[in-house]
Protein backbone atom coordinates (compact mmCIF):
# COMPACT_ATOMS: atom_id res chain seq x y z
CA UNK A 1 92.23 70.51 108.31
CA UNK A 2 95.77 72.06 108.74
CA UNK A 3 98.82 71.45 106.72
CA UNK A 4 102.37 72.96 106.99
CA UNK A 5 104.51 72.19 104.30
CA UNK A 6 108.35 73.14 104.78
CA UNK A 7 107.58 76.18 106.89
CA UNK A 8 110.31 78.51 107.54
CA UNK A 9 110.26 81.80 109.69
CA UNK A 10 112.85 84.37 109.65
CA UNK A 11 113.12 87.29 112.02
CA UNK A 12 115.45 90.34 111.27
CA UNK A 13 116.92 91.35 114.61
CA UNK A 14 118.15 95.13 115.14
CA UNK A 15 121.58 95.85 113.56
CA UNK A 16 123.83 96.79 116.41
CA UNK A 17 125.29 99.77 114.51
CA UNK A 18 121.98 101.45 114.10
CA UNK A 19 121.02 101.26 117.80
CA UNK A 20 121.19 104.31 120.16
CA UNK A 21 122.59 104.15 123.44
CA UNK A 22 119.11 104.03 124.96
CA UNK A 23 118.26 101.05 123.45
CA UNK A 24 121.62 99.24 124.43
CA UNK A 25 120.65 100.06 127.94
CA UNK A 26 117.28 98.81 127.58
CA UNK A 27 118.47 95.51 125.61
CA UNK A 28 120.61 94.58 128.49
CA UNK A 29 117.52 93.97 130.60
CA UNK A 30 115.95 91.89 127.77
CA UNK A 31 116.36 88.40 126.79
CA UNK A 32 116.38 88.70 123.01
CA UNK A 33 117.28 85.42 120.59
CA UNK A 34 120.90 85.42 119.45
CA UNK A 35 121.43 85.73 115.86
CA UNK A 36 122.38 82.80 114.15
CA UNK A 37 123.32 84.36 110.98
CA UNK A 38 126.05 87.16 110.23
CA UNK A 39 123.47 89.34 108.56
CA UNK A 40 121.62 89.57 112.03
CA UNK A 41 118.85 87.46 111.12
CA UNK A 42 117.29 84.66 113.31
CA UNK A 43 115.39 81.48 112.22
CA UNK A 44 112.51 80.69 114.45
CA UNK A 45 111.42 77.85 112.50
CA UNK A 46 113.54 75.63 109.96
CA UNK A 47 111.59 73.28 107.72
CA UNK A 48 108.36 72.60 109.75
CA UNK A 49 106.11 69.74 108.31
CA UNK A 50 103.03 68.28 109.85
CA UNK A 51 99.27 67.96 109.11
CA UNK A 52 96.19 67.86 111.66
CA UNK A 53 93.17 65.81 110.92
CA UNK A 54 89.47 66.89 111.67
CA UNK A 55 88.75 66.52 115.22
CA UNK A 56 92.35 65.73 116.20
CA UNK A 57 94.16 67.55 119.05
CA UNK A 58 97.94 68.03 118.49
CA UNK A 59 100.04 68.96 121.41
CA UNK A 60 103.30 71.19 120.63
CA UNK A 61 105.91 70.78 123.33
CA UNK A 62 109.23 72.20 123.78
CA UNK A 63 111.49 74.86 125.73
CA UNK A 64 110.82 78.33 125.77
CA UNK A 65 111.97 80.01 122.15
CA UNK A 66 111.64 76.73 120.68
CA UNK A 67 109.11 77.98 117.90
CA UNK A 68 105.81 76.67 119.38
CA UNK A 69 104.05 79.97 119.45
CA UNK A 70 105.43 81.19 116.25
CA UNK A 71 103.63 78.24 114.50
CA UNK A 72 100.56 79.03 116.25
CA UNK A 73 100.90 82.69 114.75
CA UNK A 74 101.55 81.45 111.33
CA UNK A 75 98.24 79.05 111.48
CA UNK A 76 96.28 81.92 113.07
CA UNK A 77 97.36 84.42 110.21
CA UNK A 78 99.04 86.67 113.00
CA UNK A 79 102.24 86.45 110.85
CA UNK A 80 103.44 85.05 107.50
CA UNK A 81 106.12 82.37 106.90
CA UNK A 82 109.32 83.52 105.33
CA UNK A 83 108.68 80.53 102.93
CA UNK A 84 106.82 77.23 102.65
CA UNK A 85 102.92 76.65 102.22
CA UNK A 86 100.22 76.38 104.51
CA UNK A 87 96.70 75.09 104.02
CA UNK A 88 93.79 75.55 106.53
CA UNK A 89 90.16 74.36 105.89
CA UNK A 90 88.05 75.94 108.57
CA UNK A 91 87.41 79.03 110.47
CA UNK A 92 89.97 79.67 113.52
CA UNK A 93 89.72 81.07 116.90
CA UNK A 94 93.32 81.80 117.93
CA UNK A 95 93.66 82.04 121.70
CA UNK A 96 97.16 83.10 121.53
CA UNK A 97 97.70 86.72 122.24
CA UNK A 98 94.49 86.52 124.48
CA UNK A 99 92.56 89.90 124.30
CA UNK A 100 94.54 91.00 121.34
CA UNK A 101 91.19 92.25 119.86
CA UNK A 102 90.24 94.33 123.02
CA UNK A 103 90.17 98.06 123.18
CA UNK A 104 91.34 99.03 126.64
CA UNK A 105 88.96 101.94 127.00
CA UNK A 106 85.97 99.97 126.28
CA UNK A 107 84.01 97.92 128.69
CA UNK A 108 84.28 94.19 129.17
CA UNK A 109 80.75 94.22 127.64
CA UNK A 110 81.52 96.33 124.65
CA UNK A 111 84.71 94.35 123.99
CA UNK A 112 82.71 91.12 123.79
CA UNK A 113 80.89 92.53 120.88
CA UNK A 114 84.04 93.76 119.37
CA UNK A 115 86.24 90.54 119.97
CA UNK A 116 83.56 88.00 119.03
CA UNK A 117 82.98 90.00 115.75
CA UNK A 118 86.78 89.77 115.05
CA UNK A 119 86.37 85.89 115.67
CA UNK A 120 83.32 85.86 112.89
CA UNK A 121 80.15 85.89 115.41
CA UNK A 122 77.29 87.84 113.91
CA UNK A 123 75.58 90.43 116.43
CA UNK A 124 72.71 87.90 116.63
CA UNK A 125 75.02 85.22 117.73
CA UNK A 126 76.77 87.51 120.42
CA UNK A 127 73.38 88.65 121.90
CA UNK A 128 72.34 84.60 122.12
CA UNK A 129 75.86 83.93 123.85
CA UNK A 130 76.53 87.10 125.77
CA UNK A 131 74.99 85.80 129.04
CA UNK A 132 77.02 82.48 128.77
CA UNK A 133 80.08 84.18 127.86
CA UNK A 134 79.68 86.37 131.14
CA UNK A 135 78.87 83.54 133.40
CA UNK A 136 81.88 81.57 132.12
CA UNK A 137 84.46 84.36 132.53
CA UNK A 138 83.39 84.70 136.28
CA UNK A 139 83.16 88.28 136.19
CA UNK A 140 80.37 89.87 138.09
CA UNK A 141 77.64 92.33 136.93
CA UNK A 142 79.69 95.28 138.42
CA UNK A 143 82.89 94.48 136.45
CA UNK A 144 81.53 93.64 133.01
CA UNK A 145 80.45 97.22 132.68
CA UNK A 146 84.08 98.70 133.79
CA UNK A 147 86.82 99.61 131.10
CA UNK A 148 89.21 96.69 130.63
CA UNK A 149 92.15 98.68 131.42
CA UNK A 150 91.18 98.27 135.29
CA UNK A 151 90.93 94.58 134.91
CA UNK A 152 93.63 92.17 136.51
CA UNK A 153 95.40 89.92 134.09
CA UNK A 154 93.35 86.97 135.46
CA UNK A 155 90.19 88.96 134.68
CA UNK A 156 91.49 89.96 130.98
CA UNK A 157 92.39 86.22 129.94
CA UNK A 158 89.39 84.86 131.50
CA UNK A 159 87.10 87.04 129.43
CA UNK A 160 89.08 86.65 126.21
CA UNK A 161 88.97 82.83 126.74
CA UNK A 162 85.42 82.92 127.49
CA UNK A 163 84.65 84.85 123.91
CA UNK A 164 86.76 82.49 122.23
CA UNK A 165 85.54 79.15 123.21
CA UNK A 166 81.77 80.43 122.64
CA UNK A 167 82.41 80.96 118.82
CA UNK A 168 81.55 78.64 116.20
CA UNK A 169 85.11 78.11 114.69
CA UNK A 170 86.42 74.73 113.31
CA UNK A 171 89.97 75.25 114.77
CA UNK A 172 91.14 76.23 118.07
CA UNK A 173 94.81 77.59 118.79
CA UNK A 174 95.40 77.46 122.56
CA UNK A 175 98.77 78.94 123.85
CA UNK A 176 99.44 78.33 127.45
CA UNK A 177 95.90 79.64 128.30
CA UNK A 178 95.76 77.02 131.42
CA UNK A 179 98.90 78.95 132.86
CA UNK A 180 96.45 81.94 133.99
CA UNK A 181 93.80 81.97 136.65
CA UNK A 182 92.85 80.22 139.70
CA UNK A 183 92.52 76.33 139.81
CA UNK A 184 88.75 76.70 139.50
CA UNK A 185 88.93 78.39 136.19
CA UNK A 186 91.91 76.40 135.18
CA UNK A 187 89.77 73.34 135.66
CA UNK A 188 86.66 74.89 133.85
CA UNK A 189 89.09 75.60 130.84
CA UNK A 190 90.08 71.96 130.69
CA UNK A 191 86.67 70.89 130.73
CA UNK A 192 85.90 73.33 128.02
CA UNK A 193 88.72 71.98 125.99
CA UNK A 194 87.40 68.43 126.20
CA UNK A 195 84.00 69.55 125.22
CA UNK A 196 85.34 71.15 122.07
CA UNK A 197 87.28 68.22 121.28
CA UNK A 198 84.33 65.94 121.82
CA UNK A 199 82.25 68.13 119.62
CA UNK A 200 84.50 67.50 116.82
CA UNK A 201 86.69 70.49 116.45
CA UNK A 202 90.22 70.68 115.92
CA UNK A 203 92.67 71.73 118.46
CA UNK A 204 96.33 72.63 118.60
CA UNK A 205 97.63 73.00 122.05
CA UNK A 206 100.90 74.68 123.59
CA UNK A 207 101.44 74.35 127.14
CA UNK A 208 104.55 73.47 129.47
CA UNK A 209 102.14 71.17 131.65
CA UNK A 210 102.81 67.63 130.11
CA UNK A 211 99.95 66.25 132.41
CA UNK A 212 97.38 68.79 130.61
CA UNK A 213 98.95 68.16 127.31
CA UNK A 214 98.65 64.29 127.74
CA UNK A 215 95.14 64.62 129.00
CA UNK A 216 93.77 66.41 125.90
CA UNK A 217 96.22 65.62 123.16
CA UNK A 218 95.88 62.67 120.42
CA UNK A 219 99.60 63.22 119.54
CA UNK A 220 102.51 65.34 120.69
CA UNK A 221 105.37 67.02 118.81
CA UNK A 222 108.48 67.99 120.34
CA UNK A 223 109.88 71.15 118.80
CA UNK A 224 113.35 72.68 119.77
CA UNK A 225 115.54 75.47 118.24
CA UNK A 226 112.67 75.60 115.43
CA UNK A 227 113.00 72.22 114.57
CA UNK A 228 110.82 69.24 114.89
CA UNK A 229 112.76 66.54 116.99
């Protein structure tokens, strides 16, 4: 379903000679990756190779900044590799930047239609599933018709996750989704992920919780500094 062949990803960092004083002050409080090249570039991924078969769940594990989320973004077509080839066979539901397709001025209900459409659902499918989406999210009938800019982070993520898992995608990319929400919602998410796996969907999961990763993964790849180790 998924094949990565010699994937490299390079980011170009701001050139220090072109930064303003304001940017220098702001950057004091940011944790930016240190350039590992004299021209101010940073290699987030260096020669990544792996494949995932249909129905498998692959776990990506490693420290912050190791390249796990970058891999998901490349597979989800959110960013492109600098070099290397990628083969995807199936429709993808990326649960990476949760709510990336949401519009802050639209209500939760309106955003269900927008986000689900982005993920490939038809209007007919959305109407059929909207009650289940709302119920899974745990949002009550009053909040679902409120603009999402008034939502808490937990409410926002719960709705985004609920939309994604109700799509008919073949491949699900899950990045630290179980790190947000109360224990009941985390348990509900874990059960839903296991259900997707049992139904033959293909999953790639990123989490720092090794117990959760071992519970769902068929195999785990350890990544550090952009290299599979």
